[in-house]
Amino acid sequence: MEGIKVYIAAPYTKGDVGLNVRNAIAMGNRVHARGFVPFIPHLTHFWHLVAPKSYQDWLEYDSKWLPLCDCVLRLPGESYGADHEVELALSLDLPVYFSLDELIEAYSENPFEDEV
C-alpha cells in the first residue's frame, strides 16, 4: 500500500462547508494511517480564504491533480464536484472505492494469489 496515491472525493459546498472540510481531512488522515498517500482537495479551502477563486477554477485545478492519483475514494453525500471527480476517474480507468474498507481490501496483499 505504500506509495498508493488516493484522491479523496467528497462533498464540499452542500451542507456545512467547515464540517465537510473536517470530514475530508479526517478520512485523509485515516487513509494515511493505513499506509496510503492521500490527496485532499478540500485543503484548498484554506487557500480560497486567502485568495478566492471561482468554483469552476477549483474544479479545473482538482481535475489536474486527479489523474496523478492511483485511485479515488468517494465519501458519502450529495456533491456535483465529487460526482464529476468519479466520472473523470472512471474515464481514466482509475478505480473508485466507496469505503475505506473497500480501498484496503483492493490493495491488501493475498499471499496465495501467485499460486492460482
N, C-alpha and C. Protein backbone atom coordinates (compact mmCIF):
# COMPACT_ATOMS: atom_id res chain seq x y z
N MET A 1 0.82 -1.21 0.00
CA MET A 1 0.00 0.00 0.00
C MET A 1 0.86 1.26 0.00
N GLU A 2 2.11 1.12 0.34
CA GLU A 2 2.97 2.28 0.40
C GLU A 2 3.11 2.94 -0.97
N GLY A 3 2.88 4.21 -1.01
CA GLY A 3 3.01 4.96 -2.25
C GLY A 3 1.75 5.04 -3.08
N ILE A 4 0.69 4.33 -2.71
CA ILE A 4 -0.57 4.38 -3.46
C ILE A 4 -1.23 5.73 -3.16
N LYS A 5 -1.40 6.53 -4.22
CA LYS A 5 -1.98 7.87 -4.06
C LYS A 5 -3.50 7.79 -4.19
N VAL A 6 -4.18 8.25 -3.15
CA VAL A 6 -5.64 8.16 -3.08
C VAL A 6 -6.24 9.56 -3.09
N TYR A 7 -7.05 9.84 -4.10
CA TYR A 7 -7.75 11.11 -4.22
C TYR A 7 -9.03 11.02 -3.39
N ILE A 8 -9.21 11.93 -2.44
CA ILE A 8 -10.39 11.94 -1.59
C ILE A 8 -11.46 12.82 -2.24
N ALA A 9 -12.53 12.20 -2.74
CA ALA A 9 -13.64 12.93 -3.38
C ALA A 9 -14.81 12.94 -2.39
N ALA A 10 -15.24 14.13 -2.04
CA ALA A 10 -16.29 14.25 -1.02
C ALA A 10 -17.02 15.57 -1.16
N PRO A 11 -18.20 15.66 -0.56
CA PRO A 11 -18.94 16.92 -0.60
C PRO A 11 -18.14 18.09 -0.04
N TYR A 12 -18.34 19.24 -0.63
CA TYR A 12 -17.71 20.47 -0.13
C TYR A 12 -18.75 21.56 0.07
N THR A 13 -19.48 21.93 -0.97
CA THR A 13 -20.38 23.08 -0.87
C THR A 13 -21.75 22.75 -0.30
N LYS A 14 -22.20 21.51 -0.40
CA LYS A 14 -23.53 21.13 0.13
C LYS A 14 -23.41 20.91 1.64
N GLY A 15 -24.28 21.58 2.39
CA GLY A 15 -24.23 21.43 3.84
C GLY A 15 -23.22 22.37 4.46
N ASP A 16 -22.69 21.97 5.59
CA ASP A 16 -21.74 22.77 6.37
C ASP A 16 -20.33 22.60 5.77
N VAL A 17 -19.81 23.65 5.15
CA VAL A 17 -18.51 23.58 4.49
C VAL A 17 -17.42 23.21 5.49
N GLY A 18 -17.45 23.81 6.66
CA GLY A 18 -16.44 23.51 7.68
C GLY A 18 -16.44 22.04 8.07
N LEU A 19 -17.63 21.49 8.25
CA LEU A 19 -17.75 20.07 8.60
C LEU A 19 -17.30 19.20 7.43
N ASN A 20 -17.62 19.60 6.21
CA ASN A 20 -17.20 18.84 5.04
C ASN A 20 -15.68 18.81 4.92
N VAL A 21 -15.03 19.94 5.17
CA VAL A 21 -13.57 20.01 5.13
C VAL A 21 -13.00 19.11 6.23
N ARG A 22 -13.57 19.19 7.41
CA ARG A 22 -13.13 18.36 8.53
C ARG A 22 -13.25 16.89 8.19
N ASN A 23 -14.38 16.48 7.61
CA ASN A 23 -14.60 15.08 7.28
C ASN A 23 -13.60 14.58 6.24
N ALA A 24 -13.31 15.40 5.25
CA ALA A 24 -12.34 15.01 4.22
C ALA A 24 -10.94 14.87 4.82
N ILE A 25 -10.56 15.81 5.68
CA ILE A 25 -9.25 15.73 6.32
C ILE A 25 -9.18 14.52 7.24
N ALA A 26 -10.26 14.27 8.00
CA ALA A 26 -10.28 13.11 8.90
C ALA A 26 -10.12 11.81 8.11
N MET A 27 -10.79 11.69 6.97
CA MET A 27 -10.65 10.49 6.16
C MET A 27 -9.25 10.42 5.56
N GLY A 28 -8.73 11.54 5.11
CA GLY A 28 -7.36 11.56 4.60
C GLY A 28 -6.37 11.07 5.65
N ASN A 29 -6.60 11.46 6.88
CA ASN A 29 -5.74 11.03 7.98
C ASN A 29 -5.85 9.51 8.20
N ARG A 30 -7.07 8.99 8.12
CA ARG A 30 -7.28 7.54 8.27
C ARG A 30 -6.62 6.78 7.12
N VAL A 31 -6.74 7.31 5.91
CA VAL A 31 -6.12 6.71 4.73
C VAL A 31 -4.60 6.70 4.90
N HIS A 32 -4.05 7.81 5.35
CA HIS A 32 -2.61 7.93 5.58
C HIS A 32 -2.14 6.94 6.65
N ALA A 33 -2.91 6.81 7.70
CA ALA A 33 -2.55 5.88 8.79
C ALA A 33 -2.48 4.44 8.31
N ARG A 34 -3.17 4.13 7.22
CA ARG A 34 -3.16 2.77 6.66
C ARG A 34 -2.07 2.59 5.60
N GLY A 35 -1.21 3.59 5.44
CA GLY A 35 -0.07 3.46 4.54
C GLY A 35 -0.24 4.03 3.15
N PHE A 36 -1.38 4.64 2.89
CA PHE A 36 -1.63 5.27 1.59
C PHE A 36 -1.16 6.72 1.62
N VAL A 37 -1.14 7.37 0.45
CA VAL A 37 -0.79 8.78 0.34
C VAL A 37 -2.04 9.52 -0.14
N PRO A 38 -2.75 10.19 0.78
CA PRO A 38 -3.98 10.86 0.37
C PRO A 38 -3.73 12.21 -0.29
N PHE A 39 -4.58 12.52 -1.26
CA PHE A 39 -4.66 13.87 -1.82
C PHE A 39 -6.02 14.39 -1.41
N ILE A 40 -6.05 15.48 -0.64
CA ILE A 40 -7.29 16.02 -0.09
C ILE A 40 -7.56 17.38 -0.74
N PRO A 41 -8.40 17.40 -1.78
CA PRO A 41 -8.65 18.67 -2.46
C PRO A 41 -9.31 19.72 -1.56
N HIS A 42 -9.93 19.29 -0.48
CA HIS A 42 -10.59 20.21 0.44
C HIS A 42 -9.60 21.15 1.13
N LEU A 43 -8.33 20.81 1.10
CA LEU A 43 -7.33 21.68 1.72
C LEU A 43 -7.22 23.01 0.99
N THR A 44 -7.68 23.07 -0.26
CA THR A 44 -7.67 24.35 -0.97
C THR A 44 -8.67 25.33 -0.35
N HIS A 45 -9.52 24.83 0.53
CA HIS A 45 -10.44 25.70 1.26
C HIS A 45 -9.66 26.84 1.94
N PHE A 46 -8.51 26.49 2.51
CA PHE A 46 -7.72 27.48 3.23
C PHE A 46 -7.03 28.44 2.27
N TRP A 47 -6.64 27.96 1.10
CA TRP A 47 -6.08 28.81 0.05
C TRP A 47 -7.16 29.79 -0.41
N HIS A 48 -8.39 29.27 -0.55
CA HIS A 48 -9.51 30.09 -1.00
C HIS A 48 -9.79 31.24 -0.02
N LEU A 49 -9.55 31.02 1.26
CA LEU A 49 -9.76 32.08 2.25
C LEU A 49 -8.80 33.25 2.03
N VAL A 50 -7.61 32.96 1.52
CA VAL A 50 -6.59 33.98 1.29
C VAL A 50 -6.71 34.59 -0.11
N ALA A 51 -6.97 33.74 -1.10
CA ALA A 51 -7.04 34.19 -2.49
C ALA A 51 -8.19 33.46 -3.18
N PRO A 52 -9.42 33.98 -3.02
CA PRO A 52 -10.60 33.30 -3.58
C PRO A 52 -10.52 33.11 -5.10
N LYS A 53 -11.05 32.00 -5.53
CA LYS A 53 -11.16 31.68 -6.95
C LYS A 53 -12.60 31.21 -7.19
N SER A 54 -12.99 31.12 -8.43
CA SER A 54 -14.34 30.67 -8.73
C SER A 54 -14.45 29.16 -8.50
N TYR A 55 -15.67 28.70 -8.33
CA TYR A 55 -15.94 27.26 -8.16
C TYR A 55 -15.37 26.49 -9.35
N GLN A 56 -15.57 27.00 -10.56
CA GLN A 56 -15.06 26.34 -11.77
C GLN A 56 -13.54 26.28 -11.76
N ASP A 57 -12.89 27.34 -11.30
CA ASP A 57 -11.42 27.33 -11.22
C ASP A 57 -10.94 26.21 -10.30
N TRP A 58 -11.62 26.03 -9.17
CA TRP A 58 -11.21 24.97 -8.24
C TRP A 58 -11.46 23.59 -8.85
N LEU A 59 -12.58 23.42 -9.55
CA LEU A 59 -12.85 22.13 -10.21
C LEU A 59 -11.75 21.81 -11.23
N GLU A 60 -11.37 22.81 -12.01
CA GLU A 60 -10.32 22.60 -13.01
C GLU A 60 -8.98 22.29 -12.34
N TYR A 61 -8.69 22.97 -11.26
CA TYR A 61 -7.45 22.72 -10.51
C TYR A 61 -7.42 21.26 -10.01
N ASP A 62 -8.51 20.85 -9.38
CA ASP A 62 -8.59 19.48 -8.85
C ASP A 62 -8.50 18.45 -9.98
N SER A 63 -9.08 18.77 -11.13
CA SER A 63 -9.05 17.86 -12.28
C SER A 63 -7.64 17.65 -12.83
N LYS A 64 -6.75 18.57 -12.52
CA LYS A 64 -5.35 18.41 -12.93
C LYS A 64 -4.60 17.45 -12.00
N TRP A 65 -5.00 17.39 -10.74
CA TRP A 65 -4.35 16.51 -9.76
C TRP A 65 -4.87 15.09 -9.82
N LEU A 66 -6.15 14.92 -10.07
CA LEU A 66 -6.76 13.60 -10.01
C LEU A 66 -6.05 12.56 -10.89
N PRO A 67 -5.68 12.88 -12.13
CA PRO A 67 -5.01 11.86 -12.97
C PRO A 67 -3.66 11.40 -12.42
N LEU A 68 -3.08 12.15 -11.50
CA LEU A 68 -1.81 11.77 -10.90
C LEU A 68 -1.98 10.78 -9.76
N CYS A 69 -3.22 10.52 -9.38
CA CYS A 69 -3.51 9.58 -8.29
C CYS A 69 -3.75 8.19 -8.86
N ASP A 70 -3.66 7.20 -7.99
CA ASP A 70 -3.85 5.80 -8.39
C ASP A 70 -5.30 5.36 -8.31
N CYS A 71 -6.07 6.05 -7.48
CA CYS A 71 -7.48 5.69 -7.30
C CYS A 71 -8.21 6.83 -6.62
N VAL A 72 -9.53 6.68 -6.51
CA VAL A 72 -10.38 7.68 -5.86
C VAL A 72 -11.15 7.00 -4.74
N LEU A 73 -11.24 7.68 -3.62
CA LEU A 73 -12.11 7.25 -2.52
C LEU A 73 -13.24 8.26 -2.43
N ARG A 74 -14.45 7.83 -2.76
CA ARG A 74 -15.64 8.71 -2.77
C ARG A 74 -16.35 8.59 -1.44
N LEU A 75 -16.41 9.68 -0.69
CA LEU A 75 -17.12 9.70 0.57
C LEU A 75 -18.60 9.95 0.33
N PRO A 76 -19.45 9.54 1.26
CA PRO A 76 -20.90 9.72 1.07
C PRO A 76 -21.33 11.18 1.05
N GLY A 77 -22.46 11.41 0.42
CA GLY A 77 -23.07 12.73 0.41
C GLY A 77 -23.23 13.27 -0.99
N GLU A 78 -24.25 14.08 -1.15
CA GLU A 78 -24.55 14.69 -2.44
C GLU A 78 -23.47 15.71 -2.79
N SER A 79 -22.94 15.60 -4.00
CA SER A 79 -21.89 16.53 -4.41
C SER A 79 -21.68 16.49 -5.91
N TYR A 80 -21.94 17.61 -6.57
CA TYR A 80 -21.68 17.70 -8.00
C TYR A 80 -20.19 17.52 -8.27
N GLY A 81 -19.36 18.20 -7.48
CA GLY A 81 -17.91 18.13 -7.69
C GLY A 81 -17.37 16.73 -7.52
N ALA A 82 -17.75 16.05 -6.43
CA ALA A 82 -17.26 14.69 -6.18
C ALA A 82 -17.78 13.73 -7.25
N ASP A 83 -19.03 13.93 -7.69
CA ASP A 83 -19.56 13.09 -8.77
C ASP A 83 -18.76 13.31 -10.06
N HIS A 84 -18.41 14.55 -10.33
CA HIS A 84 -17.59 14.87 -11.50
C HIS A 84 -16.22 14.19 -11.39
N GLU A 85 -15.64 14.19 -10.19
CA GLU A 85 -14.35 13.56 -9.98
C GLU A 85 -14.43 12.04 -10.20
N VAL A 86 -15.52 11.43 -9.78
CA VAL A 86 -15.72 10.00 -10.02
C VAL A 86 -15.81 9.74 -11.52
N GLU A 87 -16.57 10.55 -12.23
CA GLU A 87 -16.69 10.39 -13.69
C GLU A 87 -15.33 10.53 -14.37
N LEU A 88 -14.55 11.51 -13.93
CA LEU A 88 -13.22 11.71 -14.50
C LEU A 88 -12.34 10.49 -14.23
N ALA A 89 -12.37 10.00 -13.00
CA ALA A 89 -11.57 8.82 -12.64
C ALA A 89 -11.94 7.64 -13.51
N LEU A 90 -13.23 7.39 -13.67
CA LEU A 90 -13.68 6.26 -14.47
C LEU A 90 -13.26 6.41 -15.94
N SER A 91 -13.30 7.64 -16.44
CA SER A 91 -12.89 7.88 -17.83
C SER A 91 -11.39 7.63 -18.02
N LEU A 92 -10.63 7.72 -16.93
CA LEU A 92 -9.19 7.49 -16.96
C LEU A 92 -8.84 6.05 -16.55
N ASP A 93 -9.88 5.23 -16.36
CA ASP A 93 -9.71 3.85 -15.90
C ASP A 93 -9.05 3.75 -14.53
N LEU A 94 -9.31 4.74 -13.68
CA LEU A 94 -8.85 4.68 -12.30
C LEU A 94 -9.93 4.04 -11.45
N PRO A 95 -9.56 3.15 -10.55
CA PRO A 95 -10.58 2.55 -9.69
C PRO A 95 -11.17 3.57 -8.72
N VAL A 96 -12.45 3.39 -8.42
CA VAL A 96 -13.16 4.25 -7.47
C VAL A 96 -13.68 3.35 -6.35
N TYR A 97 -13.42 3.73 -5.11
CA TYR A 97 -13.86 2.98 -3.94
C TYR A 97 -14.82 3.84 -3.14
N PHE A 98 -15.74 3.18 -2.44
CA PHE A 98 -16.78 3.91 -1.72
C PHE A 98 -16.72 3.72 -0.21
N SER A 99 -15.64 3.08 0.27
CA SER A 99 -15.40 2.98 1.70
C SER A 99 -13.92 2.70 1.92
N LEU A 100 -13.45 3.02 3.10
CA LEU A 100 -12.06 2.75 3.44
C LEU A 100 -11.81 1.24 3.43
N ASP A 101 -12.76 0.47 3.92
CA ASP A 101 -12.60 -0.99 3.91
C ASP A 101 -12.44 -1.52 2.50
N GLU A 102 -13.24 -1.00 1.57
CA GLU A 102 -13.17 -1.42 0.17
C GLU A 102 -11.79 -1.08 -0.42
N LEU A 103 -11.28 0.10 -0.10
CA LEU A 103 -9.96 0.53 -0.56
C LEU A 103 -8.89 -0.39 -0.01
N ILE A 104 -8.93 -0.65 1.28
CA ILE A 104 -7.93 -1.51 1.91
C ILE A 104 -7.97 -2.91 1.32
N GLU A 105 -9.15 -3.43 1.13
CA GLU A 105 -9.31 -4.77 0.56
C GLU A 105 -8.71 -4.84 -0.84
N ALA A 106 -8.93 -3.81 -1.63
CA ALA A 106 -8.43 -3.81 -3.01
C ALA A 106 -6.91 -3.84 -3.07
N TYR A 107 -6.25 -3.26 -2.08
CA TYR A 107 -4.80 -3.18 -2.11
C TYR A 107 -4.13 -4.11 -1.10
N SER A 108 -4.91 -4.95 -0.43
CA SER A 108 -4.29 -5.89 0.51
C SER A 108 -3.60 -6.99 -0.28
N GLU A 109 -2.52 -7.45 0.25
CA GLU A 109 -1.77 -8.49 -0.44
C GLU A 109 -2.33 -9.85 -0.07
N ASN A 110 -2.58 -10.66 -1.08
CA ASN A 110 -3.05 -12.02 -0.88
C ASN A 110 -1.85 -12.94 -1.07
N PRO A 111 -1.37 -13.58 0.03
CA PRO A 111 -0.17 -14.39 -0.09
C PRO A 111 -0.33 -15.60 -0.99
N PHE A 112 -1.57 -16.01 -1.30
CA PHE A 112 -1.81 -17.17 -2.14
C PHE A 112 -2.13 -16.80 -3.59
N GLU A 113 -2.12 -15.52 -3.89
CA GLU A 113 -2.51 -15.02 -5.20
C GLU A 113 -1.67 -15.64 -6.33
N ASP A 114 -0.38 -15.80 -6.14
CA ASP A 114 0.51 -16.31 -7.18
C ASP A 114 0.39 -17.82 -7.36
N GLU A 115 -0.28 -18.52 -6.44
CA GLU A 115 -0.38 -19.97 -6.50
C GLU A 115 -1.53 -20.45 -7.36
N VAL A 116 -2.38 -19.57 -7.82
CA VAL A 116 -3.54 -19.97 -8.61
C VAL A 116 -3.16 -20.21 -10.04
